[in-house]
């Protein structure tokens, strides 16, 4: 089975409210919410929380 490439990008909702959009090929986009700044969302994308989330979704070991 080929690996599925999940891409992440940040999106601003309002002042002090950000989300991450997770794009899956041929699947519905998922949103991860609860970030207070772009830096907070970027830390999530570049840190261990992203790997933990991917594991919880079945996309990482």
N, C-alpha and C. Protein backbone atom coordinates (compact mmCIF):
# COMPACT_ATOMS: atom_id res chain seq x y z
N UNK A 1 0.84 -1.18 0.00
CA UNK A 1 0.00 0.00 0.00
C UNK A 1 0.89 1.25 0.00
N UNK A 2 0.59 2.17 -0.86
CA UNK A 2 1.37 3.41 -0.96
C UNK A 2 1.04 4.34 0.20
N UNK A 3 2.03 5.10 0.59
CA UNK A 3 1.81 6.08 1.65
C UNK A 3 0.91 7.20 1.15
N UNK A 4 0.04 7.65 2.02
CA UNK A 4 -0.82 8.78 1.70
C UNK A 4 -0.13 10.04 2.19
N UNK A 5 0.00 11.01 1.32
CA UNK A 5 0.64 12.29 1.66
C UNK A 5 -0.41 13.26 2.19
N UNK A 6 -0.28 13.60 3.45
CA UNK A 6 -1.17 14.57 4.07
C UNK A 6 -0.44 15.90 4.11
N UNK A 7 -1.06 16.96 3.60
CA UNK A 7 -0.45 18.29 3.64
C UNK A 7 -1.20 19.14 4.64
N UNK A 8 -0.47 20.00 5.32
CA UNK A 8 -1.02 20.86 6.35
C UNK A 8 -0.78 22.32 5.99
N UNK A 9 -1.77 23.16 6.29
CA UNK A 9 -1.59 24.60 6.12
C UNK A 9 -2.41 25.32 7.19
N UNK A 10 -1.94 26.49 7.55
CA UNK A 10 -2.63 27.27 8.57
C UNK A 10 -3.63 28.23 7.93
N UNK A 11 -4.66 28.55 8.69
CA UNK A 11 -5.66 29.50 8.22
C UNK A 11 -6.13 30.32 9.42
N UNK A 12 -6.23 31.61 9.21
CA UNK A 12 -6.69 32.51 10.26
C UNK A 12 -8.21 32.58 10.22
N UNK A 13 -8.83 32.41 11.38
CA UNK A 13 -10.28 32.50 11.50
C UNK A 13 -10.66 33.91 11.95
N UNK A 14 -10.00 34.40 12.99
CA UNK A 14 -10.24 35.73 13.55
C UNK A 14 -9.01 36.10 14.37
N UNK A 15 -9.04 37.27 15.00
CA UNK A 15 -7.94 37.65 15.88
C UNK A 15 -7.77 36.58 16.94
N UNK A 16 -6.55 36.14 17.13
CA UNK A 16 -6.22 35.12 18.14
C UNK A 16 -6.97 33.81 17.94
N UNK A 17 -7.34 33.48 16.72
CA UNK A 17 -8.00 32.21 16.44
C UNK A 17 -7.52 31.68 15.09
N UNK A 18 -6.81 30.57 15.14
CA UNK A 18 -6.24 29.95 13.95
C UNK A 18 -6.64 28.49 13.90
N UNK A 19 -6.56 27.91 12.70
CA UNK A 19 -6.80 26.48 12.53
C UNK A 19 -5.81 25.93 11.54
N UNK A 20 -5.70 24.62 11.53
CA UNK A 20 -4.86 23.92 10.56
C UNK A 20 -5.79 23.11 9.67
N UNK A 21 -5.55 23.20 8.38
CA UNK A 21 -6.31 22.43 7.41
C UNK A 21 -5.43 21.27 6.95
N UNK A 22 -5.94 20.06 7.11
CA UNK A 22 -5.23 18.86 6.70
C UNK A 22 -5.88 18.34 5.42
N UNK A 23 -5.12 18.30 4.35
CA UNK A 23 -5.62 17.86 3.06
C UNK A 23 -5.13 16.45 2.76
N UNK A 24 -6.09 15.57 2.45
CA UNK A 24 -5.82 14.19 2.08
C UNK A 24 -6.20 14.02 0.61
N UNK A 25 -5.40 13.33 -0.16
CA UNK A 25 -5.80 13.06 -1.55
C UNK A 25 -7.08 12.21 -1.57
N UNK A 26 -8.05 12.62 -2.36
CA UNK A 26 -9.31 11.90 -2.53
C UNK A 26 -10.12 11.73 -1.25
N UNK A 27 -9.92 12.59 -0.26
CA UNK A 27 -10.68 12.55 0.98
C UNK A 27 -11.12 13.96 1.36
N UNK A 28 -12.06 14.02 2.27
CA UNK A 28 -12.53 15.32 2.75
C UNK A 28 -11.46 15.98 3.62
N UNK A 29 -11.35 17.28 3.49
CA UNK A 29 -10.38 18.05 4.27
C UNK A 29 -10.77 18.02 5.75
N UNK A 30 -9.78 17.92 6.63
CA UNK A 30 -10.03 17.94 8.07
C UNK A 30 -9.46 19.21 8.66
N UNK A 31 -10.11 19.67 9.74
CA UNK A 31 -9.68 20.89 10.40
C UNK A 31 -9.26 20.57 11.83
N UNK A 32 -8.14 21.14 12.24
CA UNK A 32 -7.66 21.04 13.61
C UNK A 32 -7.73 22.45 14.17
N UNK A 33 -8.54 22.66 15.17
CA UNK A 33 -8.79 24.00 15.68
C UNK A 33 -8.20 24.18 17.08
N UNK A 34 -8.30 25.39 17.58
CA UNK A 34 -7.90 25.68 18.95
C UNK A 34 -6.56 26.36 19.09
N UNK A 35 -6.06 26.96 18.03
CA UNK A 35 -4.77 27.64 18.08
C UNK A 35 -4.98 29.13 18.27
N UNK A 36 -4.13 29.75 19.08
CA UNK A 36 -4.28 31.16 19.41
C UNK A 36 -3.42 32.07 18.54
N UNK A 37 -2.48 31.49 17.80
CA UNK A 37 -1.61 32.30 16.94
C UNK A 37 -1.07 31.43 15.81
N UNK A 38 -0.53 32.09 14.80
CA UNK A 38 0.11 31.36 13.70
C UNK A 38 1.31 30.60 14.23
N UNK A 39 2.05 31.20 15.14
CA UNK A 39 3.22 30.52 15.71
C UNK A 39 2.81 29.24 16.44
N UNK A 40 1.68 29.28 17.15
CA UNK A 40 1.17 28.10 17.86
C UNK A 40 0.82 27.00 16.85
N UNK A 41 0.15 27.36 15.77
CA UNK A 41 -0.21 26.40 14.73
C UNK A 41 1.04 25.86 14.03
N UNK A 42 2.00 26.73 13.75
CA UNK A 42 3.25 26.30 13.13
C UNK A 42 4.03 25.34 14.04
N UNK A 43 4.03 25.61 15.34
CA UNK A 43 4.67 24.71 16.30
C UNK A 43 4.03 23.33 16.25
N UNK A 44 2.70 23.29 16.11
CA UNK A 44 1.98 22.01 16.02
C UNK A 44 2.42 21.27 14.76
N UNK A 45 2.47 21.97 13.64
CA UNK A 45 2.84 21.34 12.37
C UNK A 45 4.27 20.81 12.42
N UNK A 46 5.16 21.53 13.06
CA UNK A 46 6.58 21.17 13.07
C UNK A 46 7.00 20.34 14.27
N UNK A 47 6.04 19.95 15.11
CA UNK A 47 6.39 19.24 16.33
C UNK A 47 5.79 17.85 16.44
N UNK A 48 5.87 17.31 17.63
CA UNK A 48 5.41 15.95 17.90
C UNK A 48 3.89 15.82 17.87
N UNK A 49 3.18 16.92 18.08
CA UNK A 49 1.71 16.82 18.09
C UNK A 49 1.17 16.42 16.72
N UNK A 50 1.83 16.83 15.65
CA UNK A 50 1.40 16.43 14.31
C UNK A 50 1.54 14.92 14.14
N UNK A 51 2.66 14.36 14.58
CA UNK A 51 2.89 12.92 14.46
C UNK A 51 1.86 12.16 15.30
N UNK A 52 1.59 12.65 16.50
CA UNK A 52 0.58 12.00 17.35
C UNK A 52 -0.79 12.03 16.69
N UNK A 53 -1.12 13.15 16.06
CA UNK A 53 -2.41 13.27 15.37
C UNK A 53 -2.47 12.31 14.18
N UNK A 54 -1.39 12.26 13.39
CA UNK A 54 -1.35 11.34 12.25
C UNK A 54 -1.51 9.89 12.72
N UNK A 55 -0.88 9.54 13.83
CA UNK A 55 -1.03 8.19 14.38
C UNK A 55 -2.47 7.93 14.77
N UNK A 56 -3.10 8.90 15.39
CA UNK A 56 -4.49 8.72 15.84
C UNK A 56 -5.44 8.56 14.64
N UNK A 57 -5.05 9.07 13.49
CA UNK A 57 -5.85 8.95 12.28
C UNK A 57 -5.48 7.72 11.45
N UNK A 58 -4.45 6.99 11.88
CA UNK A 58 -4.02 5.81 11.17
C UNK A 58 -3.08 6.07 10.01
N UNK A 59 -2.44 7.24 9.98
CA UNK A 59 -1.56 7.60 8.87
C UNK A 59 -0.08 7.60 9.23
N UNK A 60 0.28 7.18 10.44
CA UNK A 60 1.67 7.10 10.83
C UNK A 60 1.83 5.95 11.81
N UNK A 61 3.05 5.43 11.89
CA UNK A 61 3.33 4.34 12.83
C UNK A 61 3.85 4.87 14.11
